[in-house]
Amino acid sequence: SVSHFLSIPWCACLIQTPNTIPFIPQCFNPQSSSHDQLVGATLAGPRGLQHMLCFFHTEDEAHLQDHERPIMHVSSLFALGQGLSGYEGVLHGGMMMTMVDEAMGVLHEINLALGKTGEIFASASVTAGLDIKFLKPGPINETVLVNAWVDSVDGRKTKIKCEVRNGNGVELARCSSTWVSVRPRM
């Protein structure tokens, strides 16, 4: 996936920025056949979601190891195939919602994986609400960028916002959501 996005000039510029950490998210690389199957198994493929890569920027060399400083912004690149169309040449709205949901979920995933502190990163989080505004038709057979960032944290709830942009920087959609950390079962 990294090599695919490095072959696209505007994506390569984003990935090769100093202090950028690229990674393939769990949703696109499921750990088991019973978890993350929608994106990683069902939608992934040559006619569907061809490639996915996420990245974030560290503030300094100590940022990754400092458990008190969470990653507050993650970007996700999605290479979209022909089979994701709703209307001819237009990305299905449900796929747009899936991309923003997954991109926002990656914020929790990366902080949990890096051992960041705080109640919201102590366990998995789930979408409690999602409000999306479609601004322009989404493309197929192209790559889009989804930027997601933490807007606020209140106890077990996280407010996350995101935007979807095409390769020319045109905003296609914006979204705000509420996520709730799931209490571990005893």
N, C-alpha and C. Protein backbone atom coordinates (compact mmCIF):
# COMPACT_ATOMS: atom_id res chain seq x y z
N SER A 1 0.81 -1.20 0.00
CA SER A 1 0.00 0.00 0.00
C SER A 1 0.85 1.26 0.00
N VAL A 2 1.95 1.28 0.75
CA VAL A 2 2.79 2.48 0.77
C VAL A 2 3.30 2.78 -0.62
N SER A 3 3.79 1.76 -1.33
CA SER A 3 4.33 1.99 -2.68
C SER A 3 3.26 2.51 -3.63
N HIS A 4 2.03 2.01 -3.49
CA HIS A 4 0.95 2.51 -4.35
C HIS A 4 0.78 4.01 -4.16
N PHE A 5 0.69 4.46 -2.91
CA PHE A 5 0.45 5.88 -2.65
C PHE A 5 1.68 6.73 -2.95
N LEU A 6 2.87 6.17 -2.83
CA LEU A 6 4.08 6.92 -3.21
C LEU A 6 4.13 7.17 -4.71
N SER A 7 3.42 6.36 -5.50
CA SER A 7 3.40 6.55 -6.96
C SER A 7 2.44 7.68 -7.38
N ILE A 8 1.67 8.21 -6.46
CA ILE A 8 0.74 9.31 -6.74
C ILE A 8 1.37 10.57 -6.15
N PRO A 9 1.78 11.54 -6.99
CA PRO A 9 2.56 12.68 -6.49
C PRO A 9 1.97 13.42 -5.29
N TRP A 10 0.69 13.73 -5.30
CA TRP A 10 0.14 14.49 -4.17
C TRP A 10 0.12 13.66 -2.89
N CYS A 11 -0.06 12.35 -3.01
CA CYS A 11 -0.02 11.47 -1.84
C CYS A 11 1.41 11.34 -1.32
N ALA A 12 2.37 11.20 -2.24
CA ALA A 12 3.77 11.08 -1.85
C ALA A 12 4.23 12.30 -1.06
N CYS A 13 3.78 13.49 -1.47
CA CYS A 13 4.13 14.71 -0.73
C CYS A 13 3.65 14.65 0.71
N LEU A 14 2.46 14.12 0.92
CA LEU A 14 1.90 14.01 2.27
C LEU A 14 2.66 12.99 3.11
N ILE A 15 2.94 11.83 2.52
CA ILE A 15 3.57 10.73 3.25
C ILE A 15 5.02 11.03 3.58
N GLN A 16 5.70 11.77 2.70
CA GLN A 16 7.13 12.01 2.86
C GLN A 16 7.46 13.28 3.64
N THR A 17 6.46 13.93 4.20
CA THR A 17 6.69 15.10 5.04
C THR A 17 7.47 14.66 6.28
N PRO A 18 8.43 15.48 6.74
CA PRO A 18 9.18 15.11 7.95
C PRO A 18 8.25 14.81 9.14
N ASN A 19 8.68 13.89 9.98
CA ASN A 19 7.95 13.47 11.19
C ASN A 19 6.63 12.78 10.89
N THR A 20 6.49 12.23 9.69
CA THR A 20 5.27 11.53 9.31
C THR A 20 5.45 10.03 9.54
N ILE A 21 4.47 9.42 10.20
CA ILE A 21 4.49 7.98 10.48
C ILE A 21 3.34 7.33 9.72
N PRO A 22 3.65 6.59 8.62
CA PRO A 22 2.58 5.88 7.90
C PRO A 22 2.34 4.50 8.51
N PHE A 23 1.11 4.02 8.42
CA PHE A 23 0.79 2.68 8.90
C PHE A 23 -0.47 2.18 8.20
N ILE A 24 -0.58 0.86 8.11
CA ILE A 24 -1.78 0.23 7.57
C ILE A 24 -2.69 -0.06 8.75
N PRO A 25 -3.91 0.47 8.74
CA PRO A 25 -4.78 0.30 9.90
C PRO A 25 -5.32 -1.12 10.01
N GLN A 26 -5.72 -1.47 11.22
CA GLN A 26 -6.25 -2.80 11.48
C GLN A 26 -7.48 -3.10 10.62
N CYS A 27 -8.31 -2.10 10.34
CA CYS A 27 -9.53 -2.35 9.56
C CYS A 27 -9.21 -2.84 8.15
N PHE A 28 -8.03 -2.49 7.62
CA PHE A 28 -7.65 -2.94 6.28
C PHE A 28 -6.76 -4.18 6.33
N ASN A 29 -6.30 -4.53 7.51
CA ASN A 29 -5.42 -5.68 7.71
C ASN A 29 -5.90 -6.43 8.95
N PRO A 30 -7.08 -7.09 8.87
CA PRO A 30 -7.68 -7.72 10.05
C PRO A 30 -6.77 -8.76 10.71
N GLN A 31 -6.80 -8.77 12.04
CA GLN A 31 -6.00 -9.73 12.80
C GLN A 31 -6.62 -11.11 12.81
N SER A 32 -7.93 -11.19 12.58
CA SER A 32 -8.59 -12.49 12.58
C SER A 32 -9.75 -12.46 11.59
N SER A 33 -10.33 -13.63 11.34
CA SER A 33 -11.45 -13.72 10.41
C SER A 33 -12.78 -13.36 11.08
N SER A 34 -12.74 -12.91 12.32
CA SER A 34 -13.97 -12.54 13.01
C SER A 34 -13.98 -11.08 13.46
N HIS A 35 -13.03 -10.29 12.96
CA HIS A 35 -12.91 -8.89 13.37
C HIS A 35 -12.52 -8.05 12.16
N ASP A 36 -13.09 -6.86 12.03
CA ASP A 36 -12.76 -5.92 10.94
C ASP A 36 -12.95 -6.53 9.56
N GLN A 37 -14.01 -7.25 9.36
CA GLN A 37 -14.24 -7.93 8.10
C GLN A 37 -14.87 -7.04 7.02
N LEU A 38 -15.64 -6.02 7.39
CA LEU A 38 -16.30 -5.19 6.38
C LEU A 38 -15.29 -4.55 5.44
N VAL A 39 -14.36 -3.81 5.99
CA VAL A 39 -13.37 -3.12 5.16
C VAL A 39 -12.28 -4.07 4.70
N GLY A 40 -11.71 -4.85 5.62
CA GLY A 40 -10.54 -5.67 5.33
C GLY A 40 -10.79 -6.87 4.46
N ALA A 41 -12.01 -7.38 4.42
CA ALA A 41 -12.30 -8.58 3.62
C ALA A 41 -13.40 -8.34 2.59
N THR A 42 -14.51 -7.74 3.01
CA THR A 42 -15.65 -7.58 2.11
C THR A 42 -15.43 -6.48 1.08
N LEU A 43 -14.99 -5.30 1.51
CA LEU A 43 -14.83 -4.17 0.59
C LEU A 43 -13.48 -4.14 -0.11
N ALA A 44 -12.47 -4.73 0.48
CA ALA A 44 -11.12 -4.70 -0.09
C ALA A 44 -11.05 -5.55 -1.35
N GLY A 45 -10.42 -5.01 -2.39
CA GLY A 45 -10.24 -5.75 -3.63
C GLY A 45 -10.08 -4.82 -4.81
N PRO A 46 -9.78 -5.37 -5.99
CA PRO A 46 -9.50 -4.54 -7.16
C PRO A 46 -10.66 -3.65 -7.61
N ARG A 47 -11.90 -4.10 -7.41
CA ARG A 47 -13.04 -3.27 -7.81
C ARG A 47 -13.61 -2.47 -6.63
N GLY A 48 -13.12 -2.76 -5.44
CA GLY A 48 -13.62 -2.08 -4.24
C GLY A 48 -12.58 -1.13 -3.68
N LEU A 49 -12.27 -1.31 -2.42
CA LEU A 49 -11.25 -0.51 -1.77
C LEU A 49 -9.90 -1.15 -2.08
N GLN A 50 -9.18 -0.52 -3.00
CA GLN A 50 -7.94 -1.12 -3.52
C GLN A 50 -6.77 -1.01 -2.55
N HIS A 51 -6.64 0.12 -1.91
CA HIS A 51 -5.54 0.36 -0.97
C HIS A 51 -6.02 1.33 0.10
N MET A 52 -5.42 1.21 1.28
CA MET A 52 -5.69 2.15 2.36
C MET A 52 -4.41 2.33 3.16
N LEU A 53 -4.10 3.57 3.46
CA LEU A 53 -2.91 3.88 4.25
C LEU A 53 -3.23 5.06 5.15
N CYS A 54 -2.83 4.97 6.40
CA CYS A 54 -3.03 6.06 7.34
C CYS A 54 -1.67 6.64 7.73
N PHE A 55 -1.68 7.86 8.22
CA PHE A 55 -0.44 8.47 8.70
C PHE A 55 -0.78 9.59 9.69
N PHE A 56 0.22 9.88 10.51
CA PHE A 56 0.10 11.00 11.45
C PHE A 56 1.46 11.65 11.57
N HIS A 57 1.47 12.84 12.12
CA HIS A 57 2.71 13.60 12.30
C HIS A 57 3.02 13.69 13.79
N THR A 58 4.27 13.43 14.12
CA THR A 58 4.69 13.60 15.51
C THR A 58 5.15 15.04 15.71
N GLU A 59 4.97 15.54 16.91
CA GLU A 59 5.37 16.92 17.21
C GLU A 59 6.88 17.04 17.37
N ASP A 60 7.49 15.97 17.90
CA ASP A 60 8.94 15.93 18.12
C ASP A 60 9.34 14.47 18.32
N GLU A 61 10.63 14.23 18.53
CA GLU A 61 11.14 12.86 18.66
C GLU A 61 10.55 12.10 19.84
N ALA A 62 10.17 12.78 20.89
CA ALA A 62 9.67 12.13 22.11
C ALA A 62 8.17 11.85 22.06
N HIS A 63 7.48 12.35 21.07
CA HIS A 63 6.02 12.26 21.03
C HIS A 63 5.50 10.82 21.08
N LEU A 64 6.11 9.92 20.32
CA LEU A 64 5.63 8.54 20.29
C LEU A 64 5.76 7.86 21.65
N GLN A 65 6.85 8.12 22.36
CA GLN A 65 7.09 7.45 23.64
C GLN A 65 6.39 8.12 24.81
N ASP A 66 5.95 9.35 24.64
CA ASP A 66 5.30 10.08 25.73
C ASP A 66 3.84 9.67 25.81
N HIS A 67 3.50 8.85 26.80
CA HIS A 67 2.14 8.31 26.94
C HIS A 67 1.12 9.38 27.32
N GLU A 68 1.59 10.52 27.78
CA GLU A 68 0.69 11.61 28.18
C GLU A 68 0.25 12.47 26.99
N ARG A 69 0.90 12.31 25.83
CA ARG A 69 0.60 13.15 24.66
C ARG A 69 -0.01 12.28 23.56
N PRO A 70 -1.34 12.27 23.46
CA PRO A 70 -1.99 11.44 22.44
C PRO A 70 -1.80 12.00 21.04
N ILE A 71 -2.05 11.14 20.07
CA ILE A 71 -2.09 11.55 18.66
C ILE A 71 -3.48 12.14 18.45
N MET A 72 -3.55 13.39 18.06
CA MET A 72 -4.83 14.09 17.97
C MET A 72 -5.34 14.25 16.53
N HIS A 73 -4.53 13.88 15.55
CA HIS A 73 -4.92 14.03 14.14
C HIS A 73 -4.35 12.87 13.35
N VAL A 74 -5.19 12.21 12.57
CA VAL A 74 -4.75 11.12 11.69
C VAL A 74 -5.35 11.36 10.31
N SER A 75 -4.56 11.10 9.29
CA SER A 75 -5.03 11.19 7.91
C SER A 75 -5.07 9.79 7.31
N SER A 76 -6.04 9.56 6.43
CA SER A 76 -6.20 8.26 5.78
C SER A 76 -6.37 8.45 4.29
N LEU A 77 -5.63 7.67 3.52
CA LEU A 77 -5.75 7.66 2.06
C LEU A 77 -6.52 6.42 1.65
N PHE A 78 -7.50 6.60 0.77
CA PHE A 78 -8.31 5.50 0.26
C PHE A 78 -8.23 5.49 -1.26
N ALA A 79 -7.80 4.38 -1.86
CA ALA A 79 -7.82 4.20 -3.32
C ALA A 79 -9.11 3.47 -3.66
N LEU A 80 -9.99 4.16 -4.39
CA LEU A 80 -11.36 3.70 -4.62
C LEU A 80 -11.53 3.08 -6.00
N GLY A 81 -12.08 1.88 -6.06
CA GLY A 81 -12.30 1.19 -7.32
C GLY A 81 -13.69 1.41 -7.89
N GLN A 82 -13.87 0.95 -9.12
CA GLN A 82 -15.10 1.10 -9.89
C GLN A 82 -16.31 0.49 -9.18
N GLY A 83 -16.12 -0.57 -8.43
CA GLY A 83 -17.22 -1.26 -7.79
C GLY A 83 -17.83 -0.54 -6.60
N LEU A 84 -17.33 0.63 -6.26
CA LEU A 84 -17.86 1.39 -5.12
C LEU A 84 -18.81 2.50 -5.56
N SER A 85 -19.21 2.47 -6.82
CA SER A 85 -20.09 3.53 -7.33
C SER A 85 -21.53 3.33 -6.87
N GLY A 86 -22.22 4.45 -6.72
CA GLY A 86 -23.67 4.46 -6.53
C GLY A 86 -24.24 4.76 -7.90
N TYR A 87 -24.17 6.01 -8.29
CA TYR A 87 -24.46 6.40 -9.67
C TYR A 87 -23.19 6.22 -10.48
N GLU A 88 -23.33 6.21 -11.79
CA GLU A 88 -22.17 6.04 -12.66
C GLU A 88 -21.13 7.13 -12.38
N GLY A 89 -19.92 6.69 -12.05
CA GLY A 89 -18.82 7.60 -11.81
C GLY A 89 -18.84 8.30 -10.46
N VAL A 90 -19.80 7.97 -9.60
CA VAL A 90 -19.93 8.65 -8.31
C VAL A 90 -19.85 7.63 -7.18
N LEU A 91 -19.05 7.94 -6.18
CA LEU A 91 -18.90 7.08 -5.01
C LEU A 91 -20.23 6.95 -4.27
N HIS A 92 -20.56 5.75 -3.86
CA HIS A 92 -21.78 5.50 -3.08
C HIS A 92 -21.68 6.24 -1.74
N GLY A 93 -22.75 6.91 -1.34
CA GLY A 93 -22.76 7.65 -0.08
C GLY A 93 -22.47 6.79 1.13
N GLY A 94 -22.92 5.55 1.10
CA GLY A 94 -22.64 4.64 2.21
C GLY A 94 -21.16 4.34 2.33
N MET A 95 -20.46 4.31 1.20
CA MET A 95 -19.01 4.10 1.25
C MET A 95 -18.32 5.33 1.82
N MET A 96 -18.82 6.52 1.48
CA MET A 96 -18.26 7.75 2.05
C MET A 96 -18.40 7.71 3.58
N MET A 97 -19.57 7.28 4.05
CA MET A 97 -19.78 7.19 5.50
C MET A 97 -18.89 6.13 6.14
N THR A 98 -18.69 5.03 5.45
CA THR A 98 -17.80 3.98 5.95
C THR A 98 -16.38 4.51 6.08
N MET A 99 -15.91 5.25 5.07
CA MET A 99 -14.55 5.79 5.12
C MET A 99 -14.37 6.75 6.29
N VAL A 100 -15.32 7.66 6.51
CA VAL A 100 -15.14 8.60 7.61
C VAL A 100 -15.22 7.88 8.96
N ASP A 101 -16.10 6.90 9.07
CA ASP A 101 -16.21 6.14 10.32
C ASP A 101 -14.90 5.41 10.61
N GLU A 102 -14.34 4.76 9.61
CA GLU A 102 -13.08 4.03 9.81
C GLU A 102 -11.93 4.99 10.10
N ALA A 103 -11.87 6.11 9.38
CA ALA A 103 -10.78 7.07 9.59
C ALA A 103 -10.83 7.66 11.00
N MET A 104 -12.04 7.93 11.49
CA MET A 104 -12.16 8.46 12.84
C MET A 104 -11.83 7.38 13.88
N GLY A 105 -12.19 6.15 13.60
CA GLY A 105 -11.86 5.05 14.50
C GLY A 105 -10.37 4.81 14.62
N VAL A 106 -9.63 5.13 13.56
CA VAL A 106 -8.18 4.95 13.58
C VAL A 106 -7.53 5.84 14.65
N LEU A 107 -8.13 6.98 14.94
CA LEU A 107 -7.60 7.84 16.02
C LEU A 107 -7.54 7.08 17.34
N HIS A 108 -8.60 6.36 17.66
CA HIS A 108 -8.59 5.57 18.89
C HIS A 108 -7.62 4.39 18.77
N GLU A 109 -7.65 3.74 17.61
CA GLU A 109 -6.79 2.56 17.39
C GLU A 109 -5.32 2.89 17.60
N ILE A 110 -4.84 3.97 17.01
CA ILE A 110 -3.41 4.27 17.10
C ILE A 110 -3.02 4.68 18.52
N ASN A 111 -3.88 5.42 19.20
CA ASN A 111 -3.58 5.81 20.58
C ASN A 111 -3.59 4.61 21.52
N LEU A 112 -4.51 3.69 21.31
CA LEU A 112 -4.56 2.46 22.10
C LEU A 112 -3.29 1.63 21.85
N ALA A 113 -2.91 1.51 20.57
CA ALA A 113 -1.72 0.73 20.20
C ALA A 113 -0.44 1.33 20.77
N LEU A 114 -0.39 2.66 20.87
CA LEU A 114 0.81 3.33 21.39
C LEU A 114 0.81 3.46 22.91
N GLY A 115 -0.24 2.94 23.56
CA GLY A 115 -0.30 2.97 25.01
C GLY A 115 -0.52 4.35 25.60
N LYS A 116 -1.21 5.20 24.87
CA LYS A 116 -1.48 6.55 25.37
C LYS A 116 -2.45 6.47 26.55
N THR A 117 -2.27 7.36 27.51
CA THR A 117 -3.09 7.33 28.72
C THR A 117 -4.38 8.11 28.53
N GLY A 118 -5.29 7.92 29.45
CA GLY A 118 -6.59 8.57 29.40
C GLY A 118 -7.68 7.53 29.27
N GLU A 119 -8.83 7.81 29.88
CA GLU A 119 -9.92 6.84 29.89
C GLU A 119 -10.36 6.44 28.49
N ILE A 120 -10.32 7.39 27.55
CA ILE A 120 -10.79 7.06 26.20
C ILE A 120 -9.86 6.11 25.46
N PHE A 121 -8.61 6.01 25.91
CA PHE A 121 -7.67 5.11 25.25
C PHE A 121 -7.42 3.83 26.05
N ALA A 122 -8.14 3.64 27.14
CA ALA A 122 -7.95 2.46 27.98
C ALA A 122 -8.62 1.22 27.40
N SER A 123 -9.58 1.43 26.51
CA SER A 123 -10.28 0.30 25.87
C SER A 123 -10.78 0.75 24.51
N ALA A 124 -11.38 -0.16 23.80
CA ALA A 124 -11.92 0.16 22.47
C ALA A 124 -13.03 1.19 22.57
N SER A 125 -13.24 1.93 21.49
CA SER A 125 -14.32 2.91 21.41
C SER A 125 -15.20 2.59 20.22
N VAL A 126 -16.47 2.97 20.32
CA VAL A 126 -17.43 2.72 19.24
C VAL A 126 -18.14 4.02 18.88
N THR A 127 -18.65 4.07 17.67
CA THR A 127 -19.39 5.23 17.20
C THR A 127 -20.74 5.29 17.90
N ALA A 128 -21.03 6.41 18.55
CA ALA A 128 -22.33 6.62 19.19
C ALA A 128 -23.23 7.49 18.33
N GLY A 129 -22.64 8.31 17.48
CA GLY A 129 -23.40 9.18 16.59
C GLY A 129 -22.51 9.72 15.50
N LEU A 130 -23.09 9.96 14.33
CA LEU A 130 -22.31 10.43 13.19
C LEU A 130 -23.19 11.36 12.36
N ASP A 131 -22.72 12.58 12.11
CA ASP A 131 -23.46 13.55 11.31
C ASP A 131 -22.58 13.95 10.13
N ILE A 132 -22.98 13.56 8.94
CA ILE A 132 -22.17 13.82 7.74
C ILE A 132 -22.90 14.78 6.82
N LYS A 133 -22.13 15.66 6.19
CA LYS A 133 -22.63 16.58 5.18
C LYS A 133 -21.90 16.28 3.88
N PHE A 134 -22.66 15.87 2.87
CA PHE A 134 -22.09 15.60 1.55
C PHE A 134 -22.05 16.93 0.80
N LEU A 135 -20.87 17.36 0.38
CA LEU A 135 -20.70 18.66 -0.26
C LEU A 135 -20.54 18.56 -1.77
N LYS A 136 -19.86 17.54 -2.24
CA LYS A 136 -19.62 17.30 -3.67
C LYS A 136 -19.65 15.80 -3.90
N PRO A 137 -19.96 15.36 -5.12
CA PRO A 137 -19.92 13.92 -5.40
C PRO A 137 -18.50 13.36 -5.19
N GLY A 138 -18.43 12.21 -4.57
CA GLY A 138 -17.14 11.54 -4.38
C GLY A 138 -16.75 10.81 -5.66
N PRO A 139 -15.46 10.74 -5.96
CA PRO A 139 -15.00 10.07 -7.18
C PRO A 139 -14.83 8.56 -6.98
N ILE A 140 -14.79 7.84 -8.08
CA ILE A 140 -14.33 6.45 -8.07
C ILE A 140 -13.11 6.39 -8.97
N ASN A 141 -12.37 5.30 -8.89
CA ASN A 141 -11.12 5.15 -9.63
C ASN A 141 -10.14 6.28 -9.33
N GLU A 142 -10.20 6.80 -8.13
CA GLU A 142 -9.28 7.85 -7.68
C GLU A 142 -8.95 7.60 -6.21
N THR A 143 -8.08 8.43 -5.69
CA THR A 143 -7.71 8.38 -4.28
C THR A 143 -8.26 9.61 -3.58
N VAL A 144 -8.78 9.41 -2.38
CA VAL A 144 -9.24 10.53 -1.56
C VAL A 144 -8.51 10.51 -0.23
N LEU A 145 -8.51 11.68 0.41
CA LEU A 145 -7.86 11.87 1.70
C LEU A 145 -8.93 12.18 2.74
N VAL A 146 -8.89 11.47 3.87
CA VAL A 146 -9.79 11.76 4.98
C VAL A 146 -8.93 12.20 6.17
N ASN A 147 -9.13 13.43 6.61
CA ASN A 147 -8.44 13.96 7.78
C ASN A 147 -9.38 13.89 8.97
N ALA A 148 -8.94 13.29 10.06
CA ALA A 148 -9.77 13.17 11.26
C ALA A 148 -9.00 13.72 12.45
N TRP A 149 -9.70 14.45 13.33
CA TRP A 149 -9.04 15.02 14.49
C TRP A 149 -9.97 15.03 15.69
N VAL A 150 -9.35 14.94 16.87
CA VAL A 150 -10.10 15.00 18.12
C VAL A 150 -10.51 16.45 18.34
N ASP A 151 -11.81 16.66 18.51
CA ASP A 151 -12.33 18.00 18.77
C ASP A 151 -12.42 18.26 20.28
N SER A 152 -12.90 17.27 21.03
CA SER A 152 -12.98 17.41 22.49
C SER A 152 -13.13 16.05 23.14
N VAL A 153 -12.82 16.00 24.42
CA VAL A 153 -12.95 14.77 25.21
C VAL A 153 -13.70 15.13 26.49
N ASP A 154 -14.71 14.32 26.82
CA ASP A 154 -15.48 14.52 28.03
C ASP A 154 -15.73 13.15 28.66
N GLY A 155 -14.87 12.78 29.61
CA GLY A 155 -15.00 11.47 30.24
C GLY A 155 -14.77 10.36 29.23
N ARG A 156 -15.78 9.49 29.05
CA ARG A 156 -15.67 8.38 28.11
C ARG A 156 -16.06 8.77 26.69
N LYS A 157 -16.49 10.02 26.48
CA LYS A 157 -16.94 10.46 25.15
C LYS A 157 -15.88 11.29 24.46
N THR A 158 -15.71 11.03 23.18
CA THR A 158 -14.79 11.80 22.35
C THR A 158 -15.58 12.38 21.19
N LYS A 159 -15.43 13.67 20.95
CA LYS A 159 -16.01 14.31 19.77
C LYS A 159 -14.90 14.35 18.73
N ILE A 160 -15.18 13.78 17.56
CA ILE A 160 -14.20 13.74 16.49
C ILE A 160 -14.81 14.40 15.26
N LYS A 161 -14.00 15.15 14.55
CA LYS A 161 -14.43 15.77 13.29
C LYS A 161 -13.54 15.25 12.18
N CYS A 162 -14.06 15.32 10.96
CA CYS A 162 -13.23 14.93 9.83
C CYS A 162 -13.72 15.61 8.56
N GLU A 163 -12.86 15.55 7.56
CA GLU A 163 -13.17 16.08 6.23
C GLU A 163 -12.65 15.10 5.20
N VAL A 164 -13.32 15.05 4.05
CA VAL A 164 -12.90 14.21 2.93
C VAL A 164 -12.54 15.15 1.79
N ARG A 165 -11.36 14.96 1.20
CA ARG A 165 -10.90 15.81 0.10
C ARG A 165 -10.39 14.95 -1.05
N ASN A 166 -10.54 15.47 -2.27
CA ASN A 166 -9.99 14.77 -3.42
C ASN A 166 -8.54 15.20 -3.63
N GLY A 167 -7.92 14.69 -4.68
CA GLY A 167 -6.51 14.98 -4.94
C GLY A 167 -6.21 16.43 -5.26
N ASN A 168 -7.23 17.20 -5.61
CA ASN A 168 -7.07 18.63 -5.88
C ASN A 168 -7.35 19.48 -4.64
N GLY A 169 -7.65 18.83 -3.52
CA GLY A 169 -7.91 19.56 -2.29
C GLY A 169 -9.34 20.01 -2.11
N VAL A 170 -10.23 19.63 -3.03
CA VAL A 170 -11.64 20.02 -2.94
C VAL A 170 -12.32 19.21 -1.84
N GLU A 171 -13.02 19.90 -0.95
CA GLU A 171 -13.72 19.22 0.14
C GLU A 171 -14.98 18.55 -0.40
N LEU A 172 -15.09 17.25 -0.18
CA LEU A 172 -16.21 16.45 -0.67
C LEU A 172 -17.26 16.22 0.41
N ALA A 173 -16.82 16.11 1.65
CA ALA A 173 -17.73 15.86 2.77
C ALA A 173 -17.06 16.30 4.05
N ARG A 174 -17.89 16.57 5.06
CA ARG A 174 -17.38 16.84 6.41
C ARG A 174 -18.28 16.12 7.39
N CYS A 175 -17.70 15.78 8.51
CA CYS A 175 -18.44 14.95 9.46
C CYS A 175 -18.04 15.30 10.89
N SER A 176 -19.00 15.18 11.78
CA SER A 176 -18.71 15.25 13.21
C SER A 176 -19.34 14.02 13.85
N SER A 177 -18.70 13.53 14.88
CA SER A 177 -19.19 12.30 15.48
C SER A 177 -18.90 12.27 16.97
N THR A 178 -19.60 11.39 17.64
CA THR A 178 -19.37 11.12 19.05
C THR A 178 -18.97 9.66 19.19
N TRP A 179 -17.90 9.42 19.92
CA TRP A 179 -17.42 8.07 20.19
C TRP A 179 -17.45 7.83 21.69
N VAL A 180 -17.74 6.61 22.08
CA VAL A 180 -17.79 6.26 23.50
C VAL A 180 -16.86 5.08 23.74
N SER A 181 -16.02 5.21 24.77
CA SER A 181 -15.14 4.08 25.11
C SER A 181 -15.99 3.00 25.77
N VAL A 182 -15.73 1.78 25.36
CA VAL A 182 -16.47 0.62 25.86
C VAL A 182 -15.79 0.12 27.12
N ARG A 183 -16.55 -0.05 28.16
CA ARG A 183 -15.98 -0.57 29.41
C ARG A 183 -15.65 -2.05 29.22
N PRO A 184 -14.47 -2.45 29.67
CA PRO A 184 -14.11 -3.87 29.56
C PRO A 184 -15.10 -4.74 30.34
N ARG A 185 -15.43 -5.89 29.78
CA ARG A 185 -16.32 -6.83 30.47
C ARG A 185 -15.56 -7.55 31.57
N MET A 186 -16.25 -7.80 32.66
CA MET A 186 -15.62 -8.48 33.78
C MET A 186 -15.89 -9.95 33.71
